[in-house]
Amino acid sequence: MKLKLGFLNTRRVFNVMTIGLFLTSAILLGFAQPVVAAGPPDFDFTLPAGTACGFDLRIEGWGGPQVNKEFVDKNGNVRTLSAGTGSELLFTNPLTGATFSTKSNGAVVQTTKNLDGSSKVTMLGHNILILFPTDVPSGPSTTLYVGRVTFTSDPFSNFTLNQVNGNQTDICAALS
């Protein structure tokens, strides 16, 4: 499946938001804690059905202080390190009104960008990973991971999930 350029740009923007803010949560016995955010969200967007879940998925986020550092190696590859508490998030299934919320918790993301446009990403802590139909394994899926996750991204932002250690929560299933 080929993605339209506008949609691909949306994916890249979302990837930057994901890596920059890292969508985080507090989980207790498998249940998310409610978001207690004041005021309008810092970001708010909806991913169409079939991309992140089998239904439209609205994502709103508040706050999330991060520290971002960038390093360049002798070969010109760029490594970025993002660490902080991430954003409080509210996921909504607009068809049913069902919601899943997260609190801000710790997350670290290390990304190594290669000269060919591909990258390797390692996520630690509380992170959300959205897999699209072009990814491996094929999405749509939106999953909260608490632990360690590694994946690679080709120059077109297609992800290949390599390793998962820790707990997982299927947000699409929670909103169905």
N, C-alpha and C. Protein backbone atom coordinates (compact mmCIF):
# COMPACT_ATOMS: atom_id res chain seq x y z
N MET A 1 0.85 -1.18 0.00
CA MET A 1 0.00 0.00 0.00
C MET A 1 0.89 1.24 0.00
N LYS A 2 0.68 2.11 -0.93
CA LYS A 2 1.43 3.36 -1.02
C LYS A 2 0.68 4.42 -0.22
N LEU A 3 1.42 5.24 0.49
CA LEU A 3 0.82 6.32 1.26
C LEU A 3 0.88 7.59 0.44
N LYS A 4 -0.15 8.39 0.52
CA LYS A 4 -0.12 9.70 -0.11
C LYS A 4 0.88 10.58 0.61
N LEU A 5 1.49 11.51 -0.10
CA LEU A 5 2.52 12.36 0.49
C LEU A 5 2.00 13.08 1.72
N GLY A 6 0.79 13.61 1.67
CA GLY A 6 0.23 14.31 2.84
C GLY A 6 0.12 13.41 4.04
N PHE A 7 -0.28 12.16 3.81
CA PHE A 7 -0.41 11.22 4.90
C PHE A 7 0.97 10.84 5.42
N LEU A 8 1.94 10.67 4.49
CA LEU A 8 3.29 10.35 4.90
C LEU A 8 3.85 11.47 5.76
N ASN A 9 3.60 12.72 5.38
CA ASN A 9 4.06 13.85 6.20
C ASN A 9 3.40 13.82 7.57
N THR A 10 2.12 13.45 7.62
CA THR A 10 1.44 13.32 8.90
C THR A 10 2.14 12.27 9.74
N ARG A 11 2.52 11.15 9.13
CA ARG A 11 3.22 10.08 9.85
C ARG A 11 4.54 10.61 10.39
N ARG A 12 5.29 11.35 9.56
CA ARG A 12 6.56 11.89 10.03
C ARG A 12 6.36 12.89 11.16
N VAL A 13 5.35 13.76 11.04
CA VAL A 13 5.06 14.72 12.10
C VAL A 13 4.70 13.96 13.37
N PHE A 14 3.87 12.93 13.24
CA PHE A 14 3.49 12.16 14.41
C PHE A 14 4.70 11.47 15.00
N ASN A 15 5.58 10.92 14.14
CA ASN A 15 6.79 10.27 14.65
C ASN A 15 7.62 11.24 15.46
N VAL A 16 7.76 12.46 14.97
CA VAL A 16 8.53 13.47 15.69
C VAL A 16 7.85 13.77 17.02
N MET A 17 6.53 13.90 17.00
CA MET A 17 5.80 14.14 18.25
C MET A 17 5.99 12.96 19.19
N THR A 18 5.87 11.76 18.64
CA THR A 18 6.00 10.56 19.46
C THR A 18 7.36 10.50 20.11
N ILE A 19 8.40 10.72 19.29
CA ILE A 19 9.75 10.64 19.83
C ILE A 19 10.04 11.83 20.72
N GLY A 20 9.53 13.00 20.36
CA GLY A 20 9.83 14.21 21.12
C GLY A 20 9.08 14.30 22.43
N LEU A 21 7.84 13.84 22.46
CA LEU A 21 7.00 14.02 23.64
C LEU A 21 6.91 12.75 24.47
N PHE A 22 7.10 11.72 23.98
CA PHE A 22 6.78 10.34 24.23
C PHE A 22 5.63 10.11 25.17
N LEU A 23 4.61 9.82 24.44
CA LEU A 23 3.29 9.49 24.90
C LEU A 23 3.40 8.47 26.03
N THR A 24 3.10 8.93 27.24
CA THR A 24 3.39 8.11 28.40
C THR A 24 2.16 7.85 29.25
N SER A 25 2.32 6.94 30.22
CA SER A 25 1.17 6.59 31.01
C SER A 25 1.53 5.98 32.35
N ALA A 26 0.55 5.96 33.25
CA ALA A 26 0.69 5.21 34.49
C ALA A 26 -0.32 4.08 34.44
N ILE A 27 0.12 2.87 34.64
CA ILE A 27 -0.75 1.71 34.58
C ILE A 27 -0.72 1.01 35.94
N LEU A 28 -1.89 0.71 36.44
CA LEU A 28 -1.99 -0.03 37.70
C LEU A 28 -2.93 -1.19 37.45
N LEU A 29 -2.41 -2.40 37.50
CA LEU A 29 -3.19 -3.61 37.24
C LEU A 29 -3.88 -3.56 35.88
N GLY A 30 -3.23 -2.96 34.91
CA GLY A 30 -3.75 -2.95 33.56
C GLY A 30 -4.74 -1.84 33.26
N PHE A 31 -5.01 -0.96 34.20
CA PHE A 31 -5.97 0.12 33.96
C PHE A 31 -5.26 1.46 33.94
N ALA A 32 -5.62 2.29 33.00
CA ALA A 32 -4.99 3.61 32.89
C ALA A 32 -5.57 4.54 33.95
N GLN A 33 -4.76 5.46 34.39
CA GLN A 33 -5.21 6.49 35.32
C GLN A 33 -5.83 7.63 34.52
N PRO A 34 -6.86 8.29 35.03
CA PRO A 34 -7.50 9.36 34.26
C PRO A 34 -6.59 10.58 34.11
N VAL A 35 -6.75 11.21 32.97
CA VAL A 35 -6.02 12.45 32.71
C VAL A 35 -6.67 13.56 33.51
N VAL A 36 -5.86 14.36 34.18
CA VAL A 36 -6.35 15.51 34.92
C VAL A 36 -5.63 16.72 34.34
N ALA A 37 -6.01 17.11 33.15
CA ALA A 37 -5.35 18.23 32.47
C ALA A 37 -6.29 19.43 32.46
N ALA A 38 -5.69 20.58 32.67
CA ALA A 38 -6.48 21.81 32.66
C ALA A 38 -6.26 22.52 31.33
N GLY A 39 -7.32 23.10 30.83
CA GLY A 39 -7.20 23.89 29.61
C GLY A 39 -7.21 23.06 28.35
N PRO A 40 -7.11 23.74 27.22
CA PRO A 40 -7.13 23.03 25.94
C PRO A 40 -5.85 22.22 25.76
N PRO A 41 -5.92 21.15 24.97
CA PRO A 41 -4.73 20.32 24.78
C PRO A 41 -3.64 21.06 24.01
N ASP A 42 -2.40 20.65 24.24
CA ASP A 42 -1.26 21.20 23.50
C ASP A 42 -1.25 20.68 22.07
N PHE A 43 -1.76 19.47 21.88
CA PHE A 43 -1.96 18.93 20.53
C PHE A 43 -3.20 18.07 20.51
N ASP A 44 -3.82 17.99 19.34
CA ASP A 44 -5.09 17.29 19.17
C ASP A 44 -5.18 16.92 17.69
N PHE A 45 -5.26 15.63 17.39
CA PHE A 45 -5.41 15.20 16.00
C PHE A 45 -6.14 13.87 15.97
N THR A 46 -6.65 13.54 14.79
CA THR A 46 -7.36 12.29 14.60
C THR A 46 -6.71 11.53 13.46
N LEU A 47 -6.38 10.26 13.72
CA LEU A 47 -5.85 9.38 12.69
C LEU A 47 -7.02 8.60 12.10
N PRO A 48 -7.11 8.51 10.77
CA PRO A 48 -8.26 7.86 10.14
C PRO A 48 -8.31 6.35 10.41
N ALA A 49 -9.52 5.80 10.36
CA ALA A 49 -9.73 4.37 10.54
C ALA A 49 -8.80 3.59 9.62
N GLY A 50 -8.22 2.51 10.16
CA GLY A 50 -7.34 1.67 9.36
C GLY A 50 -5.88 2.06 9.44
N THR A 51 -5.56 3.16 10.14
CA THR A 51 -4.15 3.55 10.26
C THR A 51 -3.59 3.23 11.64
N ALA A 52 -4.27 3.64 12.70
CA ALA A 52 -3.79 3.40 14.07
C ALA A 52 -4.67 2.38 14.80
N CYS A 53 -5.93 2.32 14.43
CA CYS A 53 -6.91 1.36 14.94
C CYS A 53 -7.87 1.06 13.79
N GLY A 54 -8.80 0.16 14.01
CA GLY A 54 -9.80 -0.14 12.99
C GLY A 54 -10.85 0.95 12.88
N PHE A 55 -10.80 1.93 13.74
CA PHE A 55 -11.72 3.06 13.77
C PHE A 55 -10.89 4.34 13.84
N ASP A 56 -11.52 5.50 13.60
CA ASP A 56 -10.81 6.77 13.78
C ASP A 56 -10.29 6.82 15.21
N LEU A 57 -9.10 7.36 15.40
CA LEU A 57 -8.51 7.47 16.73
C LEU A 57 -8.11 8.92 16.97
N ARG A 58 -8.78 9.54 17.93
CA ARG A 58 -8.45 10.91 18.31
C ARG A 58 -7.45 10.87 19.46
N ILE A 59 -6.40 11.69 19.35
CA ILE A 59 -5.36 11.76 20.38
C ILE A 59 -5.19 13.21 20.81
N GLU A 60 -5.35 13.45 22.10
CA GLU A 60 -5.13 14.78 22.68
C GLU A 60 -4.00 14.65 23.71
N GLY A 61 -3.17 15.70 23.82
CA GLY A 61 -2.07 15.64 24.77
C GLY A 61 -1.81 16.96 25.45
N TRP A 62 -1.37 16.88 26.71
CA TRP A 62 -1.06 18.04 27.53
C TRP A 62 0.33 17.88 28.14
N GLY A 63 1.12 18.94 28.06
CA GLY A 63 2.39 18.99 28.77
C GLY A 63 3.41 17.99 28.27
N GLY A 64 4.31 17.64 29.15
CA GLY A 64 5.32 16.66 28.82
C GLY A 64 6.70 17.25 28.63
N PRO A 65 7.30 17.77 29.71
CA PRO A 65 8.64 18.35 29.56
C PRO A 65 9.66 17.29 29.14
N GLN A 66 10.46 17.63 28.16
CA GLN A 66 11.48 16.74 27.62
C GLN A 66 12.81 17.48 27.51
N VAL A 67 13.88 16.75 27.63
CA VAL A 67 15.21 17.25 27.34
C VAL A 67 15.68 16.50 26.10
N ASN A 68 16.08 17.24 25.06
CA ASN A 68 16.52 16.63 23.82
C ASN A 68 17.98 17.01 23.55
N LYS A 69 18.78 16.01 23.24
CA LYS A 69 20.19 16.21 22.90
C LYS A 69 20.45 15.54 21.56
N GLU A 70 21.36 16.15 20.78
CA GLU A 70 21.72 15.59 19.48
C GLU A 70 23.23 15.43 19.40
N PHE A 71 23.67 14.29 18.87
CA PHE A 71 25.08 13.98 18.72
C PHE A 71 25.33 13.54 17.28
N VAL A 72 26.47 13.91 16.71
CA VAL A 72 26.84 13.49 15.36
C VAL A 72 28.15 12.69 15.46
N ASP A 73 28.15 11.46 14.87
CA ASP A 73 29.37 10.66 14.92
C ASP A 73 30.30 11.00 13.77
N LYS A 74 31.46 10.39 13.73
CA LYS A 74 32.47 10.70 12.72
C LYS A 74 32.02 10.36 11.30
N ASN A 75 31.01 9.49 11.17
CA ASN A 75 30.49 9.12 9.86
C ASN A 75 29.33 10.01 9.41
N GLY A 76 28.94 10.95 10.25
CA GLY A 76 27.84 11.85 9.91
C GLY A 76 26.48 11.36 10.35
N ASN A 77 26.40 10.19 11.00
CA ASN A 77 25.13 9.71 11.53
C ASN A 77 24.74 10.54 12.75
N VAL A 78 23.45 10.81 12.88
CA VAL A 78 22.95 11.64 13.97
C VAL A 78 22.23 10.77 14.99
N ARG A 79 22.59 10.94 16.25
CA ARG A 79 21.90 10.24 17.34
C ARG A 79 21.22 11.28 18.19
N THR A 80 19.94 11.08 18.46
CA THR A 80 19.21 11.98 19.35
C THR A 80 18.79 11.21 20.60
N LEU A 81 18.76 11.92 21.69
CA LEU A 81 18.33 11.36 22.96
C LEU A 81 17.27 12.29 23.52
N SER A 82 16.12 11.72 23.81
CA SER A 82 15.01 12.47 24.37
C SER A 82 14.61 11.80 25.68
N ALA A 83 14.55 12.59 26.76
CA ALA A 83 14.20 12.04 28.06
C ALA A 83 13.32 13.03 28.80
N GLY A 84 12.40 12.52 29.57
CA GLY A 84 11.52 13.37 30.34
C GLY A 84 10.30 12.62 30.81
N THR A 85 9.26 13.38 31.07
CA THR A 85 8.06 12.77 31.62
C THR A 85 6.97 12.53 30.59
N GLY A 86 7.10 13.04 29.39
CA GLY A 86 6.08 12.79 28.38
C GLY A 86 4.79 13.54 28.65
N SER A 87 3.83 13.31 27.81
CA SER A 87 2.56 14.04 27.86
C SER A 87 1.46 13.22 28.53
N GLU A 88 0.52 13.93 29.15
CA GLU A 88 -0.73 13.28 29.54
C GLU A 88 -1.52 13.14 28.26
N LEU A 89 -2.14 11.98 28.06
CA LEU A 89 -2.84 11.71 26.80
C LEU A 89 -4.26 11.25 27.02
N LEU A 90 -5.09 11.58 26.05
CA LEU A 90 -6.46 11.09 26.03
C LEU A 90 -6.71 10.54 24.63
N PHE A 91 -6.99 9.24 24.55
CA PHE A 91 -7.32 8.56 23.30
C PHE A 91 -8.83 8.39 23.28
N THR A 92 -9.46 8.69 22.15
CA THR A 92 -10.91 8.60 22.05
C THR A 92 -11.31 7.87 20.78
N ASN A 93 -12.28 6.96 20.91
CA ASN A 93 -12.94 6.34 19.77
C ASN A 93 -14.17 7.21 19.48
N PRO A 94 -14.14 8.05 18.44
CA PRO A 94 -15.25 8.98 18.19
C PRO A 94 -16.58 8.28 17.91
N LEU A 95 -16.54 7.03 17.43
CA LEU A 95 -17.78 6.31 17.13
C LEU A 95 -18.55 5.94 18.40
N THR A 96 -17.82 5.53 19.44
CA THR A 96 -18.47 5.05 20.66
C THR A 96 -18.35 6.02 21.83
N GLY A 97 -17.41 6.96 21.73
CA GLY A 97 -17.15 7.86 22.84
C GLY A 97 -16.24 7.26 23.91
N ALA A 98 -15.81 6.00 23.71
CA ALA A 98 -14.92 5.34 24.68
C ALA A 98 -13.59 6.09 24.73
N THR A 99 -13.02 6.18 25.94
CA THR A 99 -11.74 6.87 26.11
C THR A 99 -10.75 5.99 26.87
N PHE A 100 -9.48 6.28 26.66
CA PHE A 100 -8.36 5.65 27.37
C PHE A 100 -7.40 6.79 27.66
N SER A 101 -7.03 6.97 28.92
CA SER A 101 -6.17 8.10 29.27
C SER A 101 -4.91 7.64 29.96
N THR A 102 -3.90 8.49 29.88
CA THR A 102 -2.63 8.20 30.52
C THR A 102 -2.16 9.43 31.28
N LYS A 103 -1.37 9.20 32.31
CA LYS A 103 -0.71 10.29 33.02
C LYS A 103 0.69 10.43 32.47
N SER A 104 1.33 11.51 32.81
CA SER A 104 2.71 11.76 32.41
C SER A 104 3.66 10.94 33.28
N ASN A 105 4.50 10.13 32.64
CA ASN A 105 5.50 9.32 33.34
C ASN A 105 6.80 9.34 32.57
N GLY A 106 7.81 8.75 33.12
CA GLY A 106 9.14 8.79 32.52
C GLY A 106 9.28 7.97 31.26
N ALA A 107 10.04 8.53 30.31
CA ALA A 107 10.33 7.84 29.06
C ALA A 107 11.66 8.36 28.52
N VAL A 108 12.40 7.46 27.90
CA VAL A 108 13.64 7.80 27.22
C VAL A 108 13.58 7.20 25.84
N VAL A 109 13.96 7.99 24.83
CA VAL A 109 13.98 7.50 23.45
C VAL A 109 15.33 7.88 22.84
N GLN A 110 16.02 6.87 22.34
CA GLN A 110 17.28 7.11 21.63
C GLN A 110 17.07 6.74 20.17
N THR A 111 17.38 7.67 19.27
CA THR A 111 17.21 7.45 17.83
C THR A 111 18.54 7.68 17.14
N THR A 112 18.95 6.71 16.34
CA THR A 112 20.14 6.87 15.51
C THR A 112 19.67 7.01 14.07
N LYS A 113 19.91 8.18 13.48
CA LYS A 113 19.49 8.46 12.11
C LYS A 113 20.68 8.21 11.19
N ASN A 114 20.48 7.36 10.20
CA ASN A 114 21.53 7.03 9.25
C ASN A 114 21.49 7.97 8.06
N LEU A 115 22.60 8.06 7.36
CA LEU A 115 22.70 8.97 6.22
C LEU A 115 21.70 8.63 5.11
N ASP A 116 21.28 7.36 5.02
CA ASP A 116 20.33 6.96 3.97
C ASP A 116 18.87 7.29 4.33
N GLY A 117 18.65 7.89 5.50
CA GLY A 117 17.30 8.25 5.92
C GLY A 117 16.64 7.22 6.82
N SER A 118 17.25 6.07 6.99
CA SER A 118 16.71 5.07 7.90
C SER A 118 17.14 5.41 9.32
N SER A 119 16.54 4.74 10.30
CA SER A 119 16.92 4.98 11.68
C SER A 119 16.63 3.76 12.54
N LYS A 120 17.29 3.75 13.70
CA LYS A 120 17.04 2.72 14.72
C LYS A 120 16.60 3.45 15.97
N VAL A 121 15.53 2.97 16.59
CA VAL A 121 14.95 3.63 17.76
C VAL A 121 14.89 2.64 18.92
N THR A 122 15.33 3.10 20.09
CA THR A 122 15.19 2.33 21.33
C THR A 122 14.38 3.19 22.30
N MET A 123 13.28 2.62 22.78
CA MET A 123 12.40 3.32 23.73
C MET A 123 12.47 2.60 25.08
N LEU A 124 12.59 3.37 26.15
CA LEU A 124 12.60 2.82 27.51
C LEU A 124 11.57 3.56 28.34
N GLY A 125 10.93 2.85 29.25
CA GLY A 125 9.94 3.49 30.12
C GLY A 125 8.53 3.30 29.57
N HIS A 126 7.73 4.37 29.64
CA HIS A 126 6.33 4.36 29.24
C HIS A 126 6.20 5.04 27.88
N ASN A 127 5.88 4.26 26.84
CA ASN A 127 5.82 4.79 25.48
C ASN A 127 4.65 4.20 24.71
N ILE A 128 4.14 4.99 23.77
CA ILE A 128 3.09 4.55 22.85
C ILE A 128 3.75 4.34 21.50
N LEU A 129 3.45 3.22 20.85
CA LEU A 129 3.92 2.98 19.49
C LEU A 129 2.72 2.68 18.61
N ILE A 130 2.57 3.44 17.55
CA ILE A 130 1.49 3.24 16.58
C ILE A 130 2.09 2.59 15.35
N LEU A 131 1.57 1.42 14.98
CA LEU A 131 2.01 0.74 13.77
C LEU A 131 0.92 0.86 12.70
N PHE A 132 1.34 1.26 11.50
CA PHE A 132 0.45 1.44 10.36
C PHE A 132 0.45 0.17 9.51
N PRO A 133 -0.47 0.06 8.55
CA PRO A 133 -0.51 -1.13 7.69
C PRO A 133 0.79 -1.40 6.92
N THR A 134 1.62 -0.39 6.71
CA THR A 134 2.88 -0.56 5.99
C THR A 134 4.02 -1.04 6.88
N ASP A 135 3.77 -1.19 8.17
CA ASP A 135 4.81 -1.57 9.12
C ASP A 135 4.90 -3.09 9.27
N VAL A 136 5.93 -3.55 9.98
CA VAL A 136 6.12 -4.97 10.28
C VAL A 136 6.27 -5.08 11.79
N PRO A 137 5.35 -5.75 12.51
CA PRO A 137 4.16 -6.38 11.96
C PRO A 137 3.16 -5.33 11.49
N SER A 138 2.33 -5.75 10.59
CA SER A 138 1.37 -4.84 9.96
C SER A 138 0.34 -4.34 10.97
N GLY A 139 0.11 -3.03 10.97
CA GLY A 139 -0.94 -2.43 11.77
C GLY A 139 -2.26 -2.55 11.04
N PRO A 140 -3.27 -1.90 11.51
CA PRO A 140 -3.22 -0.84 12.50
C PRO A 140 -3.15 -1.36 13.93
N SER A 141 -2.31 -0.69 14.73
CA SER A 141 -2.26 -0.98 16.16
C SER A 141 -1.72 0.23 16.90
N THR A 142 -2.20 0.40 18.11
CA THR A 142 -1.73 1.46 19.00
C THR A 142 -1.52 0.79 20.35
N THR A 143 -0.27 0.75 20.79
CA THR A 143 0.09 -0.04 21.97
C THR A 143 0.89 0.80 22.95
N LEU A 144 0.52 0.70 24.22
CA LEU A 144 1.31 1.27 25.31
C LEU A 144 2.31 0.20 25.74
N TYR A 145 3.58 0.55 25.72
CA TYR A 145 4.63 -0.34 26.20
C TYR A 145 5.23 0.27 27.46
N VAL A 146 5.42 -0.56 28.48
CA VAL A 146 6.13 -0.17 29.68
C VAL A 146 7.31 -1.13 29.78
N GLY A 147 8.48 -0.65 29.41
CA GLY A 147 9.66 -1.49 29.35
C GLY A 147 10.60 -0.99 28.27
N ARG A 148 11.10 -1.92 27.46
CA ARG A 148 12.06 -1.60 26.39
C ARG A 148 11.51 -2.08 25.05
N VAL A 149 11.57 -1.21 24.05
CA VAL A 149 11.12 -1.53 22.70
C VAL A 149 12.17 -1.02 21.72
N THR A 150 12.51 -1.84 20.73
CA THR A 150 13.40 -1.37 19.66
C THR A 150 12.71 -1.61 18.33
N PHE A 151 12.89 -0.64 17.41
CA PHE A 151 12.39 -0.80 16.05
C PHE A 151 13.27 -0.01 15.11
N THR A 152 13.18 -0.36 13.83
CA THR A 152 13.88 0.39 12.80
C THR A 152 12.85 1.08 11.93
N SER A 153 13.29 2.13 11.26
CA SER A 153 12.43 2.89 10.36
C SER A 153 13.18 3.05 9.04
N ASP A 154 12.51 2.75 7.92
CA ASP A 154 13.15 2.97 6.63
C ASP A 154 13.04 4.45 6.26
N PRO A 155 13.61 4.88 5.15
CA PRO A 155 13.56 6.31 4.79
C PRO A 155 12.14 6.85 4.57
N PHE A 156 11.15 5.95 4.43
CA PHE A 156 9.76 6.37 4.21
C PHE A 156 8.92 6.27 5.47
N SER A 157 9.57 6.11 6.63
CA SER A 157 8.91 6.01 7.94
C SER A 157 8.10 4.74 8.10
N ASN A 158 8.48 3.66 7.42
CA ASN A 158 7.88 2.35 7.66
C ASN A 158 8.69 1.67 8.76
N PHE A 159 8.01 1.23 9.81
CA PHE A 159 8.66 0.67 10.98
C PHE A 159 8.74 -0.85 10.89
N THR A 160 9.80 -1.41 11.47
CA THR A 160 9.91 -2.85 11.70
C THR A 160 10.21 -3.02 13.19
N LEU A 161 9.27 -3.63 13.90
CA LEU A 161 9.42 -3.86 15.33
C LEU A 161 10.43 -4.98 15.53
N ASN A 162 11.47 -4.74 16.32
CA ASN A 162 12.53 -5.72 16.50
C ASN A 162 12.47 -6.45 17.83
N GLN A 163 12.20 -5.72 18.91
CA GLN A 163 12.25 -6.35 20.23
C GLN A 163 11.31 -5.63 21.19
N VAL A 164 10.62 -6.41 22.03
CA VAL A 164 9.75 -5.87 23.06
C VAL A 164 10.01 -6.63 24.35
N ASN A 165 10.31 -5.89 25.42
CA ASN A 165 10.47 -6.46 26.75
C ASN A 165 9.66 -5.60 27.71
N GLY A 166 8.73 -6.23 28.42
CA GLY A 166 7.92 -5.49 29.38
C GLY A 166 6.45 -5.72 29.15
N ASN A 167 5.64 -4.84 29.72
CA ASN A 167 4.18 -4.96 29.65
C ASN A 167 3.63 -4.21 28.44
N GLN A 168 2.52 -4.72 27.90
CA GLN A 168 1.87 -4.12 26.75
C GLN A 168 0.38 -3.93 27.02
N THR A 169 -0.18 -2.80 26.56
CA THR A 169 -1.61 -2.58 26.63
C THR A 169 -2.09 -2.19 25.24
N ASP A 170 -3.02 -2.95 24.69
CA ASP A 170 -3.59 -2.69 23.38
C ASP A 170 -4.66 -1.61 23.53
N ILE A 171 -4.34 -0.38 23.12
CA ILE A 171 -5.26 0.73 23.29
C ILE A 171 -6.48 0.60 22.38
N CYS A 172 -6.30 0.06 21.18
CA CYS A 172 -7.44 -0.14 20.28
C CYS A 172 -8.47 -1.09 20.92
N ALA A 173 -7.97 -2.18 21.51
CA ALA A 173 -8.88 -3.13 22.18
C ALA A 173 -9.57 -2.46 23.36
N ALA A 174 -8.86 -1.61 24.09
CA ALA A 174 -9.45 -0.93 25.25
C ALA A 174 -10.55 0.04 24.82
N LEU A 175 -10.47 0.54 23.59
CA LEU A 175 -11.47 1.51 23.09
C LEU A 175 -12.58 0.86 22.27
N SER A 176 -12.48 -0.43 22.02
CA SER A 176 -13.49 -1.13 21.19
C SER A 176 -14.77 -1.39 21.94
